[in-house]
Amino acid sequence: MNGDVLDFEDAVEKLVAREAREEAGVEVGRELKYLNSVAYVRPDGVPSLFVKFVAPYFSGEVTLEEGGFTEFAWVTAEEAKGYECIMGMPEELEQADRLFA
């Protein structure tokens, strides 16, 4: 409690860390850098907001969540250009590199 207000400190940082652990099996730091956001409508008609952050990798071996992604690769922004991936991903990796330079 913060006076009469129930607040959740570091909510986004904790969420990003938990999602990285649950969906990929890796631990990331709390030093988040905002990358961008995308508002879209899912194929089932539900409006959604995708907020992207970059976080430093700490540890762990990638273990993909069952029912989620089927493949992964640790690549540089330049190497990503040789993969079939989400549109704009190589450019986002370049932006991530600049954010932590």
PDB file of N, CA and C in Angstrom:
ATOM      1  N   MET A   1       0.839  -1.183   0.000  1.00  0.00           N
ATOM      2  CA  MET A   1       0.000   0.000   0.000  1.00  0.00           C
ATOM      3  C   MET A   1       0.881   1.242   0.000  1.00  0.00           C
ATOM      4  N   ASN A   2       0.450   2.211  -0.745  1.00  0.00           N
ATOM      5  CA  ASN A   2       1.104   3.510  -0.785  1.00  0.00           C
ATOM      6  C   ASN A   2       0.033   4.517  -0.352  1.00  0.00           C
ATOM      7  N   GLY A   3      -0.075   4.695   0.961  1.00  0.00           N
ATOM      8  CA  GLY A   3      -1.186   5.485   1.483  1.00  0.00           C
ATOM      9  C   GLY A   3      -2.458   4.685   1.288  1.00  0.00           C
ATOM     10  N   ASP A   4      -3.433   5.274   0.593  1.00  0.00           N
ATOM     11  CA  ASP A   4      -4.692   4.583   0.310  1.00  0.00           C
ATOM     12  C   ASP A   4      -4.694   3.880  -1.041  1.00  0.00           C
ATOM     13  N   VAL A   5      -3.554   3.892  -1.719  1.00  0.00           N
ATOM     14  CA  VAL A   5      -3.473   3.343  -3.069  1.00  0.00           C
ATOM     15  C   VAL A   5      -2.683   2.034  -3.054  1.00  0.00           C
ATOM     16  N   LEU A   6      -3.281   1.010  -3.651  1.00  0.00           N
ATOM     17  CA  LEU A   6      -2.590  -0.259  -3.834  1.00  0.00           C
ATOM     18  C   LEU A   6      -1.739  -0.130  -5.082  1.00  0.00           C
ATOM     19  N   ASP A   7      -0.416  -0.186  -4.941  1.00  0.00           N
ATOM     20  CA  ASP A   7       0.437  -0.074  -6.126  1.00  0.00           C
ATOM     21  C   ASP A   7       1.378  -1.263  -6.214  1.00  0.00           C
ATOM     22  N   PHE A   8       1.893  -1.466  -7.402  1.00  0.00           N
ATOM     23  CA  PHE A   8       2.760  -2.603  -7.696  1.00  0.00           C
ATOM     24  C   PHE A   8       4.044  -2.065  -8.301  1.00  0.00           C
ATOM     25  N   GLU A   9       5.037  -1.891  -7.473  1.00  0.00           N
ATOM     26  CA  GLU A   9       6.308  -1.323  -7.919  1.00  0.00           C
ATOM     27  C   GLU A   9       7.036  -2.288  -8.842  1.00  0.00           C
ATOM     28  N   ASP A  10       7.670  -1.737  -9.868  1.00  0.00           N
ATOM     29  CA  ASP A  10       8.437  -2.519 -10.856  1.00  0.00           C
ATOM     30  C   ASP A  10       7.583  -3.568 -11.565  1.00  0.00           C
ATOM     31  N   ALA A  11       6.317  -3.266 -11.780  1.00  0.00           N
ATOM     32  CA  ALA A  11       5.401  -4.238 -12.387  1.00  0.00           C
ATOM     33  C   ALA A  11       5.850  -4.660 -13.787  1.00  0.00           C
ATOM     34  N   VAL A  12       6.247  -3.702 -14.624  1.00  0.00           N
ATOM     35  CA  VAL A  12       6.662  -4.043 -15.991  1.00  0.00           C
ATOM     36  C   VAL A  12       7.964  -4.822 -15.964  1.00  0.00           C
ATOM     37  N   GLU A  13       8.917  -4.408 -15.139  1.00  0.00           N
ATOM     38  CA  GLU A  13      10.205  -5.100 -15.045  1.00  0.00           C
ATOM     39  C   GLU A  13      10.010  -6.552 -14.603  1.00  0.00           C
ATOM     40  N   LYS A  14       9.139  -6.756 -13.628  1.00  0.00           N
ATOM     41  CA  LYS A  14       8.865  -8.119 -13.146  1.00  0.00           C
ATOM     42  C   LYS A  14       8.139  -8.936 -14.208  1.00  0.00           C
ATOM     43  N   LEU A  15       7.224  -8.299 -14.925  1.00  0.00           N
ATOM     44  CA  LEU A  15       6.492  -8.981 -15.983  1.00  0.00           C
ATOM     45  C   LEU A  15       7.437  -9.443 -17.091  1.00  0.00           C
ATOM     46  N   VAL A  16       8.327  -8.571 -17.534  1.00  0.00           N
ATOM     47  CA  VAL A  16       9.277  -8.929 -18.590  1.00  0.00           C
ATOM     48  C   VAL A  16      10.170 -10.080 -18.128  1.00  0.00           C
ATOM     49  N   ALA A  17      10.680 -10.008 -16.902  1.00  0.00           N
ATOM     50  CA  ALA A  17      11.542 -11.073 -16.373  1.00  0.00           C
ATOM     51  C   ALA A  17      10.783 -12.396 -16.301  1.00  0.00           C
ATOM     52  N   ARG A  18       9.535 -12.365 -15.830  1.00  0.00           N
ATOM     53  CA  ARG A  18       8.740 -13.587 -15.713  1.00  0.00           C
ATOM     54  C   ARG A  18       8.437 -14.180 -17.089  1.00  0.00           C
ATOM     55  N   GLU A  19       8.059 -13.338 -18.036  1.00  0.00           N
ATOM     56  CA  GLU A  19       7.755 -13.835 -19.375  1.00  0.00           C
ATOM     57  C   GLU A  19       8.987 -14.438 -20.049  1.00  0.00           C
ATOM     58  N   ALA A  20      10.138 -13.810 -19.899  1.00  0.00           N
ATOM     59  CA  ALA A  20      11.380 -14.361 -20.477  1.00  0.00           C
ATOM     60  C   ALA A  20      11.681 -15.735 -19.869  1.00  0.00           C
ATOM     61  N   ARG A  21      11.480 -15.846 -18.564  1.00  0.00           N
ATOM     62  CA  ARG A  21      11.736 -17.122 -17.874  1.00  0.00           C
ATOM     63  C   ARG A  21      10.721 -18.179 -18.322  1.00  0.00           C
ATOM     64  N   GLU A  22       9.421 -17.819 -18.346  1.00  0.00           N
ATOM     65  CA  GLU A  22       8.385 -18.799 -18.678  1.00  0.00           C
ATOM     66  C   GLU A  22       8.392 -19.195 -20.152  1.00  0.00           C
ATOM     67  N   GLU A  23       8.598 -18.233 -21.046  1.00  0.00           N
ATOM     68  CA  GLU A  23       8.476 -18.517 -22.472  1.00  0.00           C
ATOM     69  C   GLU A  23       9.775 -18.961 -23.127  1.00  0.00           C
ATOM     70  N   ALA A  24      10.912 -18.616 -22.523  1.00  0.00           N
ATOM     71  CA  ALA A  24      12.183 -18.977 -23.165  1.00  0.00           C
ATOM     72  C   ALA A  24      13.180 -19.639 -22.226  1.00  0.00           C
ATOM     73  N   GLY A  25      12.918 -19.641 -20.913  1.00  0.00           N
ATOM     74  CA  GLY A  25      13.828 -20.291 -19.973  1.00  0.00           C
ATOM     75  C   GLY A  25      15.080 -19.487 -19.670  1.00  0.00           C
ATOM     76  N   VAL A  26      15.082 -18.183 -19.964  1.00  0.00           N
ATOM     77  CA  VAL A  26      16.263 -17.359 -19.712  1.00  0.00           C
ATOM     78  C   VAL A  26      15.966 -16.296 -18.654  1.00  0.00           C
ATOM     79  N   GLU A  27      17.019 -15.870 -17.985  1.00  0.00           N
ATOM     80  CA  GLU A  27      16.933 -14.806 -16.994  1.00  0.00           C
ATOM     81  C   GLU A  27      17.451 -13.522 -17.635  1.00  0.00           C
ATOM     82  N   VAL A  28      16.692 -12.443 -17.473  1.00  0.00           N
ATOM     83  CA  VAL A  28      17.101 -11.147 -18.000  1.00  0.00           C
ATOM     84  C   VAL A  28      17.146 -10.131 -16.876  1.00  0.00           C
ATOM     85  N   GLY A  29      17.919  -9.070 -17.118  1.00  0.00           N
ATOM     86  CA  GLY A  29      18.043  -8.012 -16.129  1.00  0.00           C
ATOM     87  C   GLY A  29      16.861  -7.069 -16.160  1.00  0.00           C
ATOM     88  N   ARG A  30      16.788  -6.226 -15.152  1.00  0.00           N
ATOM     89  CA  ARG A  30      15.676  -5.281 -15.041  1.00  0.00           C
ATOM     90  C   ARG A  30      15.953  -3.950 -15.722  1.00  0.00           C
ATOM     91  N   GLU A  31      17.119  -3.791 -16.301  1.00  0.00           N
ATOM     92  CA  GLU A  31      17.449  -2.550 -17.008  1.00  0.00           C
ATOM     93  C   GLU A  31      16.790  -2.591 -18.379  1.00  0.00           C
ATOM     94  N   LEU A  32      15.502  -2.262 -18.424  1.00  0.00           N
ATOM     95  CA  LEU A  32      14.737  -2.334 -19.660  1.00  0.00           C
ATOM     96  C   LEU A  32      14.916  -1.082 -20.489  1.00  0.00           C
ATOM     97  N   LYS A  33      14.924  -1.275 -21.783  1.00  0.00           N
ATOM     98  CA  LYS A  33      14.924  -0.167 -22.739  1.00  0.00           C
ATOM     99  C   LYS A  33      13.699  -0.360 -23.626  1.00  0.00           C
ATOM    100  N   TYR A  34      12.893   0.693 -23.725  1.00  0.00           N
ATOM    101  CA  TYR A  34      11.698   0.641 -24.569  1.00  0.00           C
ATOM    102  C   TYR A  34      12.122   0.601 -26.031  1.00  0.00           C
ATOM    103  N   LEU A  35      11.544  -0.311 -26.784  1.00  0.00           N
ATOM    104  CA  LEU A  35      11.856  -0.427 -28.205  1.00  0.00           C
ATOM    105  C   LEU A  35      10.749   0.216 -29.050  1.00  0.00           C
ATOM    106  N   ASN A  36       9.533  -0.291 -28.940  1.00  0.00           N
ATOM    107  CA  ASN A  36       8.392   0.292 -29.644  1.00  0.00           C
ATOM    108  C   ASN A  36       7.119  -0.429 -29.228  1.00  0.00           C
ATOM    109  N   SER A  37       6.016  -0.043 -29.841  1.00  0.00           N
ATOM    110  CA  SER A  37       4.752  -0.723 -29.556  1.00  0.00           C
ATOM    111  C   SER A  37       3.967  -0.888 -30.847  1.00  0.00           C
ATOM    112  N   VAL A  38       3.099  -1.886 -30.859  1.00  0.00           N
ATOM    113  CA  VAL A  38       2.264  -2.168 -32.019  1.00  0.00           C
ATOM    114  C   VAL A  38       0.851  -2.459 -31.514  1.00  0.00           C
ATOM    115  N   ALA A  39      -0.112  -1.691 -31.980  1.00  0.00           N
ATOM    116  CA  ALA A  39      -1.518  -1.987 -31.715  1.00  0.00           C
ATOM    117  C   ALA A  39      -2.041  -2.752 -32.923  1.00  0.00           C
ATOM    118  N   TYR A  40      -2.774  -3.814 -32.678  1.00  0.00           N
ATOM    119  CA  TYR A  40      -3.271  -4.630 -33.784  1.00  0.00           C
ATOM    120  C   TYR A  40      -4.536  -5.366 -33.356  1.00  0.00           C
ATOM    121  N   VAL A  41      -5.206  -5.947 -34.319  1.00  0.00           N
ATOM    122  CA  VAL A  41      -6.372  -6.771 -34.062  1.00  0.00           C
ATOM    123  C   VAL A  41      -6.007  -8.202 -34.429  1.00  0.00           C
ATOM    124  N   ARG A  42      -6.119  -9.082 -33.446  1.00  0.00           N
ATOM    125  CA  ARG A  42      -5.791 -10.494 -33.672  1.00  0.00           C
ATOM    126  C   ARG A  42      -6.757 -11.116 -34.669  1.00  0.00           C
ATOM    127  N   PRO A  43      -6.398 -12.256 -35.267  1.00  0.00           N
ATOM    128  CA  PRO A  43      -7.299 -12.917 -36.226  1.00  0.00           C
ATOM    129  C   PRO A  43      -8.672 -13.243 -35.638  1.00  0.00           C
ATOM    130  N   ASP A  44      -8.743 -13.411 -34.306  1.00  0.00           N
ATOM    131  CA  ASP A  44     -10.041 -13.708 -33.682  1.00  0.00           C
ATOM    132  C   ASP A  44     -10.828 -12.438 -33.348  1.00  0.00           C
ATOM    133  N   GLY A  45     -10.325 -11.265 -33.801  1.00  0.00           N
ATOM    134  CA  GLY A  45     -11.034 -10.014 -33.629  1.00  0.00           C
ATOM    135  C   GLY A  45     -10.748  -9.259 -32.340  1.00  0.00           C
ATOM    136  N   VAL A  46      -9.856  -9.773 -31.508  1.00  0.00           N
ATOM    137  CA  VAL A  46      -9.552  -9.125 -30.232  1.00  0.00           C
ATOM    138  C   VAL A  46      -8.462  -8.069 -30.433  1.00  0.00           C
ATOM    139  N   PRO A  47      -8.749  -6.808 -30.077  1.00  0.00           N
ATOM    140  CA  PRO A  47      -7.716  -5.769 -30.168  1.00  0.00           C
ATOM    141  C   PRO A  47      -6.614  -6.045 -29.140  1.00  0.00           C
ATOM    142  N   SER A  48      -5.374  -5.820 -29.529  1.00  0.00           N
ATOM    143  CA  SER A  48      -4.241  -6.103 -28.650  1.00  0.00           C
ATOM    144  C   SER A  48      -3.184  -5.014 -28.774  1.00  0.00           C
ATOM    145  N   LEU A  49      -2.360  -4.932 -27.760  1.00  0.00           N
ATOM    146  CA  LEU A  49      -1.234  -4.002 -27.760  1.00  0.00           C
ATOM    147  C   LEU A  49       0.018  -4.788 -27.414  1.00  0.00           C
ATOM    148  N   PHE A  50       1.006  -4.699 -28.272  1.00  0.00           N
ATOM    149  CA  PHE A  50       2.275  -5.407 -28.110  1.00  0.00           C
ATOM    150  C   PHE A  50       3.327  -4.350 -27.803  1.00  0.00           C
ATOM    151  N   VAL A  51       3.829  -4.338 -26.576  1.00  0.00           N
ATOM    152  CA  VAL A  51       4.847  -3.372 -26.163  1.00  0.00           C
ATOM    153  C   VAL A  51       6.176  -4.114 -26.085  1.00  0.00           C
ATOM    154  N   LYS A  52       7.178  -3.612 -26.815  1.00  0.00           N
ATOM    155  CA  LYS A  52       8.463  -4.311 -26.914  1.00  0.00           C
ATOM    156  C   LYS A  52       9.533  -3.584 -26.108  1.00  0.00           C
ATOM    157  N   PHE A  53      10.261  -4.374 -25.312  1.00  0.00           N
ATOM    158  CA  PHE A  53      11.386  -3.887 -24.531  1.00  0.00           C
ATOM    159  C   PHE A  53      12.607  -4.728 -24.848  1.00  0.00           C
ATOM    160  N   VAL A  54      13.761  -4.160 -24.612  1.00  0.00           N
ATOM    161  CA  VAL A  54      15.026  -4.885 -24.709  1.00  0.00           C
ATOM    162  C   VAL A  54      15.572  -4.966 -23.296  1.00  0.00           C
ATOM    163  N   ALA A  55      16.085  -6.131 -22.933  1.00  0.00           N
ATOM    164  CA  ALA A  55      16.651  -6.334 -21.597  1.00  0.00           C
ATOM    165  C   ALA A  55      17.966  -7.078 -21.738  1.00  0.00           C
ATOM    166  N   PRO A  56      18.904  -6.835 -20.830  1.00  0.00           N
ATOM    167  CA  PRO A  56      20.171  -7.581 -20.900  1.00  0.00           C
ATOM    168  C   PRO A  56      19.971  -9.046 -20.515  1.00  0.00           C
ATOM    169  N   TYR A  57      20.600  -9.938 -21.258  1.00  0.00           N
ATOM    170  CA  TYR A  57      20.584 -11.376 -20.968  1.00  0.00           C
ATOM    171  C   TYR A  57      21.506 -11.643 -19.789  1.00  0.00           C
ATOM    172  N   PHE A  58      21.041 -12.440 -18.824  1.00  0.00           N
ATOM    173  CA  PHE A  58      21.887 -12.811 -17.684  1.00  0.00           C
ATOM    174  C   PHE A  58      22.336 -14.262 -17.747  1.00  0.00           C
ATOM    175  N   SER A  59      21.369 -15.171 -17.910  1.00  0.00           N
ATOM    176  CA  SER A  59      21.746 -16.585 -17.863  1.00  0.00           C
ATOM    177  C   SER A  59      20.605 -17.458 -18.378  1.00  0.00           C
ATOM    178  N   GLY A  60      20.918 -18.727 -18.509  1.00  0.00           N
ATOM    179  CA  GLY A  60      19.918 -19.721 -18.881  1.00  0.00           C
ATOM    180  C   GLY A  60      20.092 -20.218 -20.297  1.00  0.00           C
ATOM    181  N   GLU A  61      19.657 -21.435 -20.488  1.00  0.00           N
ATOM    182  CA  GLU A  61      19.630 -22.041 -21.820  1.00  0.00           C
ATOM    183  C   GLU A  61      18.216 -21.911 -22.343  1.00  0.00           C
ATOM    184  N   VAL A  62      18.069 -21.519 -23.589  1.00  0.00           N
ATOM    185  CA  VAL A  62      16.740 -21.339 -24.152  1.00  0.00           C
ATOM    186  C   VAL A  62      15.997 -22.670 -24.157  1.00  0.00           C
ATOM    187  N   THR A  63      14.829 -22.652 -23.538  1.00  0.00           N
ATOM    188  CA  THR A  63      13.902 -23.778 -23.532  1.00  0.00           C
ATOM    189  C   THR A  63      12.547 -23.193 -23.894  1.00  0.00           C
ATOM    190  N   LEU A  64      12.069 -23.497 -25.075  1.00  0.00           N
ATOM    191  CA  LEU A  64      10.843 -22.886 -25.558  1.00  0.00           C
ATOM    192  C   LEU A  64       9.622 -23.445 -24.845  1.00  0.00           C
ATOM    193  N   GLU A  65       8.699 -22.558 -24.521  1.00  0.00           N
ATOM    194  CA  GLU A  65       7.449 -22.932 -23.876  1.00  0.00           C
ATOM    195  C   GLU A  65       6.638 -23.816 -24.819  1.00  0.00           C
ATOM    196  N   GLU A  66       6.093 -24.907 -24.294  1.00  0.00           N
ATOM    197  CA  GLU A  66       5.293 -25.808 -25.113  1.00  0.00           C
ATOM    198  C   GLU A  66       4.072 -25.074 -25.662  1.00  0.00           C
ATOM    199  N   GLY A  67       3.830 -25.243 -26.953  1.00  0.00           N
ATOM    200  CA  GLY A  67       2.705 -24.582 -27.591  1.00  0.00           C
ATOM    201  C   GLY A  67       3.018 -23.179 -28.065  1.00  0.00           C
ATOM    202  N   GLY A  68       4.236 -22.696 -27.798  1.00  0.00           N
ATOM    203  CA  GLY A  68       4.626 -21.356 -28.221  1.00  0.00           C
ATOM    204  C   GLY A  68       5.464 -21.419 -29.479  1.00  0.00           C
ATOM    205  N   PHE A  69       6.610 -20.780 -29.424  1.00  0.00           N
ATOM    206  CA  PHE A  69       7.509 -20.779 -30.574  1.00  0.00           C
ATOM    207  C   PHE A  69       8.055 -22.176 -30.829  1.00  0.00           C
ATOM    208  N   THR A  70       8.442 -22.434 -32.074  1.00  0.00           N
ATOM    209  CA  THR A  70       8.974 -23.748 -32.432  1.00  0.00           C
ATOM    210  C   THR A  70      10.470 -23.716 -32.710  1.00  0.00           C
ATOM    211  N   GLU A  71      11.035 -22.521 -32.938  1.00  0.00           N
ATOM    212  CA  GLU A  71      12.452 -22.400 -33.240  1.00  0.00           C
ATOM    213  C   GLU A  71      13.000 -21.123 -32.631  1.00  0.00           C
ATOM    214  N   PHE A  72      14.317 -21.092 -32.431  1.00  0.00           N
ATOM    215  CA  PHE A  72      14.984 -19.873 -31.983  1.00  0.00           C
ATOM    216  C   PHE A  72      16.414 -19.889 -32.510  1.00  0.00           C
ATOM    217  N   ALA A  73      17.031 -18.721 -32.512  1.00  0.00           N
ATOM    218  CA  ALA A  73      18.442 -18.608 -32.885  1.00  0.00           C
ATOM    219  C   ALA A  73      19.006 -17.364 -32.226  1.00  0.00           C
ATOM    220  N   TRP A  74      20.213 -17.457 -31.677  1.00  0.00           N
ATOM    221  CA  TRP A  74      20.935 -16.290 -31.174  1.00  0.00           C
ATOM    222  C   TRP A  74      21.685 -15.728 -32.365  1.00  0.00           C
ATOM    223  N   VAL A  75      21.289 -14.563 -32.837  1.00  0.00           N
ATOM    224  CA  VAL A  75      21.890 -13.988 -34.032  1.00  0.00           C
ATOM    225  C   VAL A  75      22.155 -12.502 -33.853  1.00  0.00           C
ATOM    226  N   THR A  76      23.054 -11.998 -34.655  1.00  0.00           N
ATOM    227  CA  THR A  76      23.257 -10.554 -34.737  1.00  0.00           C
ATOM    228  C   THR A  76      22.187  -9.974 -35.656  1.00  0.00           C
ATOM    229  N   ALA A  77      22.092  -8.665 -35.676  1.00  0.00           N
ATOM    230  CA  ALA A  77      21.139  -8.013 -36.575  1.00  0.00           C
ATOM    231  C   ALA A  77      21.441  -8.374 -38.026  1.00  0.00           C
ATOM    232  N   GLU A  78      22.707  -8.412 -38.377  1.00  0.00           N
ATOM    233  CA  GLU A  78      23.095  -8.754 -39.751  1.00  0.00           C
ATOM    234  C   GLU A  78      22.744 -10.204 -40.070  1.00  0.00           C
ATOM    235  N   GLU A  79      23.012 -11.122 -39.150  1.00  0.00           N
ATOM    236  CA  GLU A  79      22.689 -12.541 -39.372  1.00  0.00           C
ATOM    237  C   GLU A  79      21.180 -12.757 -39.487  1.00  0.00           C
ATOM    238  N   ALA A  80      20.387 -11.958 -38.772  1.00  0.00           N
ATOM    239  CA  ALA A  80      18.926 -12.104 -38.801  1.00  0.00           C
ATOM    240  C   ALA A  80      18.365 -11.887 -40.198  1.00  0.00           C
ATOM    241  N   LYS A  81      19.064 -11.114 -41.013  1.00  0.00           N
ATOM    242  CA  LYS A  81      18.599 -10.853 -42.375  1.00  0.00           C
ATOM    243  C   LYS A  81      18.541 -12.128 -43.214  1.00  0.00           C
ATOM    244  N   GLY A  82      19.287 -13.151 -42.810  1.00  0.00           N
ATOM    245  CA  GLY A  82      19.299 -14.424 -43.524  1.00  0.00           C
ATOM    246  C   GLY A  82      18.249 -15.410 -43.039  1.00  0.00           C
ATOM    247  N   TYR A  83      17.424 -15.004 -42.087  1.00  0.00           N
ATOM    248  CA  TYR A  83      16.383 -15.872 -41.531  1.00  0.00           C
ATOM    249  C   TYR A  83      15.003 -15.402 -41.964  1.00  0.00           C
ATOM    250  N   GLU A  84      14.095 -16.351 -42.075  1.00  0.00           N
ATOM    251  CA  GLU A  84      12.691 -15.998 -42.255  1.00  0.00           C
ATOM    252  C   GLU A  84      12.169 -15.632 -40.866  1.00  0.00           C
ATOM    253  N   CYS A  85      11.848 -14.374 -40.659  1.00  0.00           N
ATOM    254  CA  CYS A  85      11.413 -13.940 -39.336  1.00  0.00           C
ATOM    255  C   CYS A  85      10.380 -12.830 -39.461  1.00  0.00           C
ATOM    256  N   ILE A  86       9.921 -12.364 -38.349  1.00  0.00           N
ATOM    257  CA  ILE A  86       8.921 -11.301 -38.318  1.00  0.00           C
ATOM    258  C   ILE A  86       9.448 -10.085 -39.069  1.00  0.00           C
ATOM    259  N   MET A  87       8.597  -9.483 -39.901  1.00  0.00           N
ATOM    260  CA  MET A  87       8.979  -8.302 -40.667  1.00  0.00           C
ATOM    261  C   MET A  87       9.523  -7.213 -39.735  1.00  0.00           C
ATOM    262  N   GLY A  88      10.666  -6.660 -40.086  1.00  0.00           N
ATOM    263  CA  GLY A  88      11.266  -5.582 -39.300  1.00  0.00           C
ATOM    264  C   GLY A  88      12.197  -6.041 -38.189  1.00  0.00           C
ATOM    265  N   MET A  89      12.308  -7.348 -37.976  1.00  0.00           N
ATOM    266  CA  MET A  89      13.125  -7.859 -36.864  1.00  0.00           C
ATOM    267  C   MET A  89      14.600  -7.466 -36.975  1.00  0.00           C
ATOM    268  N   PRO A  90      15.249  -7.587 -38.142  1.00  0.00           N
ATOM    269  CA  PRO A  90      16.654  -7.173 -38.214  1.00  0.00           C
ATOM    270  C   PRO A  90      16.847  -5.707 -37.819  1.00  0.00           C
ATOM    271  N   GLU A  91      15.923  -4.846 -38.234  1.00  0.00           N
ATOM    272  CA  GLU A  91      16.025  -3.424 -37.883  1.00  0.00           C
ATOM    273  C   GLU A  91      15.814  -3.216 -36.380  1.00  0.00           C
ATOM    274  N   GLU A  92      14.922  -3.991 -35.779  1.00  0.00           N
ATOM    275  CA  GLU A  92      14.713  -3.878 -34.333  1.00  0.00           C
ATOM    276  C   GLU A  92      15.941  -4.369 -33.571  1.00  0.00           C
ATOM    277  N   LEU A  93      16.614  -5.386 -34.092  1.00  0.00           N
ATOM    278  CA  LEU A  93      17.844  -5.857 -33.449  1.00  0.00           C
ATOM    279  C   LEU A  93      18.939  -4.795 -33.541  1.00  0.00           C
ATOM    280  N   GLU A  94      19.004  -4.103 -34.675  1.00  0.00           N
ATOM    281  CA  GLU A  94      19.963  -3.000 -34.794  1.00  0.00           C
ATOM    282  C   GLU A  94      19.649  -1.903 -33.780  1.00  0.00           C
ATOM    283  N   GLN A  95      18.365  -1.586 -33.625  1.00  0.00           N
ATOM    284  CA  GLN A  95      17.951  -0.576 -32.655  1.00  0.00           C
ATOM    285  C   GLN A  95      18.285  -1.036 -31.228  1.00  0.00           C
ATOM    286  N   ALA A  96      18.081  -2.302 -30.942  1.00  0.00           N
ATOM    287  CA  ALA A  96      18.411  -2.847 -29.610  1.00  0.00           C
ATOM    288  C   ALA A  96      19.889  -2.720 -29.330  1.00  0.00           C
ATOM    289  N   ASP A  97      20.717  -3.021 -30.326  1.00  0.00           N
ATOM    290  CA  ASP A  97      22.171  -2.871 -30.160  1.00  0.00           C
ATOM    291  C   ASP A  97      22.538  -1.432 -29.823  1.00  0.00           C
ATOM    292  N   ARG A  98      21.911  -0.481 -30.507  1.00  0.00           N
ATOM    293  CA  ARG A  98      22.197   0.941 -30.239  1.00  0.00           C
ATOM    294  C   ARG A  98      21.753   1.337 -28.830  1.00  0.00           C
ATOM    295  N   LEU A  99      20.635   0.798 -28.356  1.00  0.00           N
ATOM    296  CA  LEU A  99      20.128   1.151 -27.025  1.00  0.00           C
ATOM    297  C   LEU A  99      21.081   0.707 -25.922  1.00  0.00           C
ATOM    298  N   PHE A 100      21.812  -0.385 -26.141  1.00  0.00           N
ATOM    299  CA  PHE A 100      22.722  -0.884 -25.117  1.00  0.00           C
ATOM    300  C   PHE A 100      24.189  -0.612 -25.449  1.00  0.00           C
ATOM    301  N   ALA A 101      24.441   0.230 -26.454  1.00  0.00           N
ATOM    302  CA  ALA A 101      25.835   0.536 -26.828  1.00  0.00           C
ATOM    303  C   ALA A 101      26.463   1.478 -25.806  1.00  0.00           C
TER     304      ALA A 101
END
